[in-house]
Amino acid sequence: MQVTNSMSQYCGKIEESNGKIRAYDYLGKLVGWYDPRENFTHTAMGAIVGRGNLVSSLIPTEVRRSK
């Protein structure tokens, strides 16, 4: 699923594979994941963000692109 901001700019994507839901920024870099078996969302570095699926909140919506 693609994620866009209020200006319809592509900000990243959310994908499900191997039982986990992963979030990526607009460059394709992993920003975090959610494991429904443990019911926690983690950052890309493995830190717990909170309970439940919060992966969409990990994707930056302000896209800074070089000119």
C-alpha atoms as a PDB file:
ATOM      1  CA  MET A   1       0.000   0.000   0.000  1.00  0.00           C
ATOM      2  CA  GLN A   2       1.402   3.385  -0.949  1.00  0.00           C
ATOM      3  CA  VAL A   3       1.368   6.220   1.586  1.00  0.00           C
ATOM      4  CA  THR A   4       0.894   9.812   0.422  1.00  0.00           C
ATOM      5  CA  ASN A   5       0.702  13.124   2.260  1.00  0.00           C
ATOM      6  CA  SER A   6      -1.969  15.824   2.024  1.00  0.00           C
ATOM      7  CA  MET A   7      -0.304  17.150  -1.152  1.00  0.00           C
ATOM      8  CA  SER A   8      -0.548  13.682  -2.763  1.00  0.00           C
ATOM      9  CA  GLN A   9       3.238  13.248  -2.661  1.00  0.00           C
ATOM     10  CA  TYR A  10       4.501   9.689  -2.324  1.00  0.00           C
ATOM     11  CA  CYS A  11       5.908   9.265   1.197  1.00  0.00           C
ATOM     12  CA  GLY A  12       6.497   5.532   1.406  1.00  0.00           C
ATOM     13  CA  LYS A  13       4.832   2.158   1.468  1.00  0.00           C
ATOM     14  CA  ILE A  14       3.534  -0.518   3.816  1.00  0.00           C
ATOM     15  CA  GLU A  15       3.987  -4.174   2.921  1.00  0.00           C
ATOM     16  CA  GLU A  16       3.083  -7.447   4.591  1.00  0.00           C
ATOM     17  CA  SER A  17       5.391 -10.455   4.315  1.00  0.00           C
ATOM     18  CA  ASN A  18       6.378 -13.401   6.500  1.00  0.00           C
ATOM     19  CA  GLY A  19       3.677 -12.490   9.019  1.00  0.00           C
ATOM     20  CA  LYS A  20       5.034  -8.968   9.670  1.00  0.00           C
ATOM     21  CA  ILE A  21       3.904  -5.579   8.406  1.00  0.00           C
ATOM     22  CA  ARG A  22       6.848  -3.413   7.329  1.00  0.00           C
ATOM     23  CA  ALA A  23       6.957   0.339   6.655  1.00  0.00           C
ATOM     24  CA  TYR A  24       9.382   1.990   4.215  1.00  0.00           C
ATOM     25  CA  ASP A  25      10.095   5.665   3.543  1.00  0.00           C
ATOM     26  CA  TYR A  26       9.982   7.232   0.055  1.00  0.00           C
ATOM     27  CA  LEU A  27      13.565   6.083  -0.620  1.00  0.00           C
ATOM     28  CA  GLY A  28      12.656   2.477   0.182  1.00  0.00           C
ATOM     29  CA  LYS A  29      14.498   2.427   3.526  1.00  0.00           C
ATOM     30  CA  LEU A  30      12.894   0.330   6.273  1.00  0.00           C
ATOM     31  CA  VAL A  31      11.571   2.600   9.049  1.00  0.00           C
ATOM     32  CA  GLY A  32       9.884  -0.048  11.200  1.00  0.00           C
ATOM     33  CA  TRP A  33       7.649  -3.092  11.474  1.00  0.00           C
ATOM     34  CA  TYR A  34       4.674  -4.537  13.315  1.00  0.00           C
ATOM     35  CA  ASP A  35       4.472  -8.155  14.446  1.00  0.00           C
ATOM     36  CA  PRO A  36       0.831  -9.119  15.083  1.00  0.00           C
ATOM     37  CA  ARG A  37       1.885 -12.173  17.119  1.00  0.00           C
ATOM     38  CA  GLU A  38       3.508  -9.982  19.785  1.00  0.00           C
ATOM     39  CA  ASN A  39       1.279  -6.912  19.101  1.00  0.00           C
ATOM     40  CA  PHE A  40       4.175  -4.411  19.171  1.00  0.00           C
ATOM     41  CA  THR A  41       5.471  -1.929  16.606  1.00  0.00           C
ATOM     42  CA  HIS A  42       9.259  -1.510  16.356  1.00  0.00           C
ATOM     43  CA  THR A  43      11.535   1.060  14.723  1.00  0.00           C
ATOM     44  CA  ALA A  44      14.067  -0.086  12.137  1.00  0.00           C
ATOM     45  CA  MET A  45      16.631  -0.224  14.960  1.00  0.00           C
ATOM     46  CA  GLY A  46      14.394  -2.576  16.959  1.00  0.00           C
ATOM     47  CA  ALA A  47      13.144  -0.163  19.614  1.00  0.00           C
ATOM     48  CA  ILE A  48       9.520  -0.652  20.661  1.00  0.00           C
ATOM     49  CA  VAL A  49       7.260   2.223  19.609  1.00  0.00           C
ATOM     50  CA  GLY A  50       4.065   0.962  21.212  1.00  0.00           C
ATOM     51  CA  ARG A  51       1.333  -1.653  21.279  1.00  0.00           C
ATOM     52  CA  GLY A  52      -0.694  -2.299  18.166  1.00  0.00           C
ATOM     53  CA  ASN A  53      -0.041  -1.489  14.527  1.00  0.00           C
ATOM     54  CA  LEU A  54       1.564   1.974  14.458  1.00  0.00           C
ATOM     55  CA  VAL A  55       3.688   1.546  11.320  1.00  0.00           C
ATOM     56  CA  SER A  56       1.949   4.319   9.388  1.00  0.00           C
ATOM     57  CA  SER A  57       3.062   6.805  12.062  1.00  0.00           C
ATOM     58  CA  LEU A  58       6.713   5.888  11.366  1.00  0.00           C
ATOM     59  CA  ILE A  59       6.615   7.084   7.748  1.00  0.00           C
ATOM     60  CA  PRO A  60       7.650  10.759   7.442  1.00  0.00           C
ATOM     61  CA  THR A  61       4.971  12.734   5.578  1.00  0.00           C
ATOM     62  CA  GLU A  62       7.194  15.717   4.829  1.00  0.00           C
ATOM     63  CA  VAL A  63       9.183  14.611   1.807  1.00  0.00           C
ATOM     64  CA  ARG A  64      12.448  16.485   1.256  1.00  0.00           C
ATOM     65  CA  ARG A  65      13.772  15.927  -2.227  1.00  0.00           C
ATOM     66  CA  SER A  66      16.937  17.425  -3.642  1.00  0.00           C
ATOM     67  CA  LYS A  67      16.524  19.884  -6.498  1.00  0.00           C
END
